[in-house]
Amino acid sequence: MAYDPPVRVHDLDLANTSVFLDFDGTMTLADTGVHLLERLGREGWRDVDAEFRRGEIGGRVCLLDEWDLLEPDEAQLRAVAREVPVDPAAPALLAALRAAGAEVLIVSDGFGFRAREVAAELGVAILTNDVDWTTGRLEFPHQDRCCACSSCGTCKQAPIKEAARAGRTTVLVGDGASDYKAAALADVVFAKDTLADWCAIQGVAYVPYRTLADVQAALGLAGA
């Protein structure tokens, strides 16, 4: 069951709106991290993922434990990550949002390297984690140790709070557990899959969607 958001979607002044897009499962048609682990990961990653989904560990610990189950072979990891398609509607949505004057930012708490590639191809700003391919280390340049939970790799609440302080309406488009904390803050939430289930349980208003074309249509943007 979906709940009407406090800010009605068609009433949004997109020129005064900041849109935050999750990457894995939102910008892409499947989770690239899960795909990498299914194809290349050693045994045990599903247990780590289950611990994260149950809230027993934070996103940063989850990512570090899962990264340890992959060989940091840059060429192989990049090639396998590219097997996951980007939502074909992504370029049109981004173009329509920009034409309407919205600020757009990808916020991803994954391994980071594929998200950065796609963001560069689409010309959109991104906050995500990094891999130092020289050392093979997973790094977290956008963690927020001042956040109440301080457990995520990339803090998705921080940019939403910053936009809100600037008087901007905030929109989150997401699908999974890494979006829960951000969904609790955003003015409008587009949700599917695990995030939609969580919103329904928590009573967080959300707009359901299946693809980014649905988001574009719900916002009433040309080309939808």
Protein backbone atom coordinates (compact mmCIF):
# COMPACT_ATOMS: atom_id res chain seq x y z
CA MET A 1 0.00 0.00 0.00
CA ALA A 2 1.34 3.45 -0.96
CA TYR A 3 0.74 6.58 1.07
CA ASP A 4 0.33 10.09 -0.33
CA PRO A 5 3.41 12.19 0.47
CA PRO A 6 2.97 15.43 2.42
CA VAL A 7 4.18 17.35 -0.65
CA ARG A 8 2.06 16.38 -3.65
CA VAL A 9 4.18 15.31 -6.59
CA HIS A 10 2.44 17.44 -9.21
CA ASP A 11 2.72 20.51 -6.97
CA LEU A 12 6.51 20.38 -6.84
CA ASP A 13 8.44 23.46 -7.89
CA LEU A 14 11.27 21.51 -9.50
CA ALA A 15 13.41 24.63 -9.78
CA ASN A 16 13.51 24.58 -5.98
CA THR A 17 13.82 20.80 -5.65
CA SER A 18 16.78 18.51 -5.06
CA VAL A 19 16.39 14.98 -6.39
CA PHE A 20 18.49 12.18 -4.87
CA LEU A 21 18.78 8.98 -6.88
CA ASP A 22 19.98 5.71 -5.43
CA PHE A 23 22.15 3.75 -7.88
CA ASP A 24 21.97 -0.03 -7.45
CA GLY A 25 18.51 -1.26 -8.38
CA THR A 26 17.33 2.29 -9.05
CA MET A 27 19.57 3.70 -11.77
CA THR A 28 20.32 0.12 -12.78
CA LEU A 29 17.86 -2.70 -13.44
CA ALA A 30 19.50 -4.89 -10.78
CA ASP A 31 21.93 -4.46 -7.89
CA THR A 32 25.46 -4.43 -9.33
CA GLY A 33 27.00 -5.32 -5.96
CA VAL A 34 24.82 -8.40 -5.62
CA HIS A 35 25.62 -9.32 -9.24
CA LEU A 36 29.35 -9.08 -8.54
CA LEU A 37 29.05 -11.24 -5.44
CA GLU A 38 26.88 -13.81 -7.20
CA ARG A 39 29.36 -14.10 -10.06
CA LEU A 40 32.68 -13.66 -8.29
CA GLY A 41 32.22 -13.68 -4.51
CA ARG A 42 33.39 -16.39 -2.16
CA GLU A 43 30.97 -18.16 0.17
CA GLY A 44 29.54 -16.19 3.05
CA TRP A 45 28.37 -13.00 1.36
CA ARG A 46 24.70 -13.93 1.64
CA ASP A 47 25.09 -14.25 5.41
CA VAL A 48 26.66 -10.78 5.54
CA ASP A 49 23.87 -9.35 3.39
CA ALA A 50 21.24 -10.94 5.65
CA GLU A 51 22.88 -9.40 8.74
CA PHE A 52 22.68 -5.98 7.10
CA ARG A 53 19.04 -6.39 6.10
CA ARG A 54 18.17 -7.42 9.66
CA GLY A 55 19.89 -4.28 10.95
CA GLU A 56 22.57 -6.22 12.84
CA ILE A 57 25.44 -4.44 11.05
CA GLY A 58 25.67 -1.08 9.30
CA GLY A 59 26.29 -0.45 5.63
CA ARG A 60 29.99 0.28 6.04
CA VAL A 61 30.72 -2.99 7.86
CA CYS A 62 28.57 -4.88 5.36
CA LEU A 63 30.48 -3.46 2.41
CA LEU A 64 33.87 -4.12 3.96
CA ASP A 65 32.97 -7.71 4.80
CA GLU A 66 31.59 -8.31 1.31
CA TRP A 67 34.55 -6.59 -0.36
CA ASP A 68 36.85 -9.00 1.47
CA LEU A 69 35.05 -11.84 -0.35
CA LEU A 70 36.00 -10.45 -3.77
CA GLU A 71 39.38 -10.41 -5.48
CA PRO A 72 40.25 -6.75 -6.20
CA ASP A 73 40.92 -7.44 -9.90
CA GLU A 74 39.93 -4.12 -11.45
CA ALA A 75 39.49 -5.29 -15.03
CA GLN A 76 37.40 -8.30 -14.06
CA LEU A 77 35.23 -6.42 -11.57
CA ARG A 78 34.53 -3.59 -13.97
CA ALA A 79 33.65 -6.00 -16.78
CA VAL A 80 31.22 -7.99 -14.64
CA ALA A 81 29.63 -4.86 -13.16
CA ARG A 82 28.93 -3.62 -16.70
CA GLU A 83 26.78 -6.71 -17.29
CA VAL A 84 24.01 -5.05 -15.26
CA PRO A 85 22.00 -2.71 -17.52
CA VAL A 86 21.32 0.90 -16.66
CA ASP A 87 17.61 1.75 -16.71
CA PRO A 88 16.99 2.89 -20.32
CA ALA A 89 14.81 5.72 -18.98
CA ALA A 90 17.65 7.27 -16.95
CA PRO A 91 18.94 9.73 -19.60
CA ALA A 92 15.44 11.04 -20.35
CA LEU A 93 14.61 11.51 -16.67
CA LEU A 94 17.84 13.35 -16.00
CA ALA A 95 17.36 15.59 -19.04
CA ALA A 96 13.80 16.41 -18.01
CA LEU A 97 14.78 17.17 -14.42
CA ARG A 98 17.58 19.46 -15.56
CA ALA A 99 15.28 21.22 -18.04
CA ALA A 100 12.88 21.87 -15.16
CA GLY A 101 15.70 23.37 -13.09
CA ALA A 102 16.01 20.61 -10.48
CA GLU A 103 19.27 19.75 -8.76
CA VAL A 104 20.10 16.06 -9.24
CA LEU A 105 22.54 13.91 -7.28
CA ILE A 106 23.22 10.17 -7.29
CA VAL A 107 23.72 8.88 -3.74
CA SER A 108 25.10 5.35 -3.64
CA ASP A 109 26.32 3.23 -0.75
CA GLY A 110 27.81 0.48 -2.90
CA PHE A 111 31.30 -0.38 -4.06
CA GLY A 112 31.26 2.84 -6.06
CA PHE A 113 33.31 2.19 -9.17
CA ARG A 114 30.43 1.30 -11.51
CA ALA A 115 28.25 4.09 -10.12
CA ARG A 116 31.02 6.59 -10.84
CA GLU A 117 31.33 5.31 -14.41
CA VAL A 118 27.62 5.71 -15.07
CA ALA A 119 27.48 9.12 -13.40
CA ALA A 120 30.31 10.33 -15.63
CA GLU A 121 28.59 8.96 -18.73
CA LEU A 122 25.34 10.71 -17.80
CA GLY A 123 27.00 13.90 -16.59
CA VAL A 124 25.44 13.83 -13.13
CA ALA A 125 27.05 14.52 -9.75
CA ILE A 126 27.53 11.60 -7.36
CA LEU A 127 28.35 10.76 -3.76
CA THR A 128 29.59 7.21 -3.33
CA ASN A 129 32.37 5.04 -2.00
CA ASP A 130 35.73 4.50 -3.70
CA VAL A 131 38.17 1.70 -4.43
CA ASP A 132 41.89 2.37 -4.27
CA TRP A 133 42.92 -0.07 -6.98
CA THR A 134 46.59 0.24 -6.03
CA THR A 135 46.03 -1.14 -2.53
CA GLY A 136 42.72 -2.91 -3.17
CA ARG A 137 41.13 -1.01 -0.29
CA LEU A 138 37.51 0.11 -0.17
CA GLU A 139 37.33 3.70 1.06
CA PHE A 140 34.52 5.92 2.37
CA PRO A 141 35.05 9.59 1.52
CA HIS A 142 31.41 10.46 2.24
CA GLN A 143 30.79 8.78 5.58
CA ASP A 144 29.45 11.12 8.25
CA ARG A 145 30.83 10.40 11.70
CA CYS A 146 28.66 13.21 13.11
CA CYS A 147 25.50 11.42 11.99
CA ALA A 148 23.48 9.77 14.74
CA CYS A 149 24.01 6.30 13.25
CA SER A 150 27.48 6.88 11.72
CA SER A 151 27.32 3.38 10.26
CA CYS A 152 26.85 3.96 6.52
CA GLY A 153 29.59 4.04 3.92
CA THR A 154 28.00 7.01 2.15
CA CYS A 155 25.66 9.00 4.37
CA LYS A 156 22.50 9.67 2.36
CA GLN A 157 20.96 11.79 5.09
CA ALA A 158 23.69 14.45 4.98
CA PRO A 159 22.95 15.86 1.49
CA ILE A 160 19.20 15.76 2.15
CA LYS A 161 19.68 17.74 5.36
CA GLU A 162 21.89 20.23 3.52
CA ALA A 163 19.28 20.74 0.80
CA ALA A 164 16.53 21.17 3.39
CA ARG A 165 18.57 23.77 5.26
CA ALA A 166 18.85 25.68 1.97
CA GLY A 167 15.05 25.71 1.76
CA ARG A 168 14.82 23.17 -1.05
CA THR A 169 12.21 20.44 -1.38
CA THR A 170 13.85 17.01 -1.29
CA VAL A 171 12.93 13.96 -3.39
CA LEU A 172 14.42 10.50 -2.91
CA VAL A 173 14.18 7.70 -5.48
CA GLY A 174 15.30 4.37 -4.04
CA ASP A 175 14.69 0.68 -3.67
CA GLY A 176 16.59 -0.85 -0.78
CA ALA A 177 17.80 -0.98 2.80
CA SER A 178 20.52 1.64 2.25
CA ASP A 179 17.73 4.15 1.53
CA TYR A 180 15.77 3.72 4.77
CA LYS A 181 17.35 6.56 6.72
CA ALA A 182 17.16 8.93 3.77
CA ALA A 183 13.50 8.06 3.18
CA ALA A 184 12.71 9.10 6.73
CA LEU A 185 13.88 12.65 5.90
CA ALA A 186 12.88 13.32 2.28
CA ASP A 187 9.77 15.35 1.48
CA VAL A 188 8.80 12.97 -1.34
CA VAL A 189 9.88 9.32 -1.60
CA PHE A 190 9.62 7.17 -4.71
CA ALA A 191 9.99 3.58 -3.53
CA LYS A 192 9.92 0.03 -4.82
CA ASP A 193 10.94 -3.43 -3.58
CA THR A 194 12.47 -3.51 -0.09
CA LEU A 195 12.20 0.24 0.41
CA ALA A 196 8.49 0.21 -0.45
CA ASP A 197 7.94 -2.62 2.05
CA TRP A 198 9.81 -0.69 4.74
CA CYS A 199 7.88 2.52 4.04
CA ALA A 200 4.59 0.66 4.33
CA ILE A 201 5.59 -0.89 7.67
CA GLN A 202 6.93 2.39 9.04
CA GLY A 203 4.06 4.51 7.76
CA VAL A 204 6.37 6.61 5.59
CA ALA A 205 4.49 8.16 2.67
CA TYR A 206 5.77 7.03 -0.72
CA VAL A 207 4.98 6.95 -4.41
CA PRO A 208 5.38 3.48 -5.94
CA TYR A 209 7.33 3.04 -9.17
CA ARG A 210 8.83 0.23 -11.24
CA THR A 211 11.20 2.08 -13.56
CA LEU A 212 12.55 5.61 -13.86
CA ALA A 213 10.02 6.20 -16.63
CA ASP A 214 7.33 5.88 -13.93
CA VAL A 215 9.11 8.56 -11.88
CA GLN A 216 9.24 10.88 -14.87
CA ALA A 217 5.55 10.32 -15.58
CA ALA A 218 4.55 10.87 -11.93
CA LEU A 219 6.43 14.19 -11.96
CA GLY A 220 4.54 15.23 -15.08
CA LEU A 221 7.75 15.83 -17.00
CA ALA A 222 7.75 16.09 -20.78
CA GLY A 223 8.81 12.99 -22.66
CA ALA A 224 7.34 10.56 -20.13
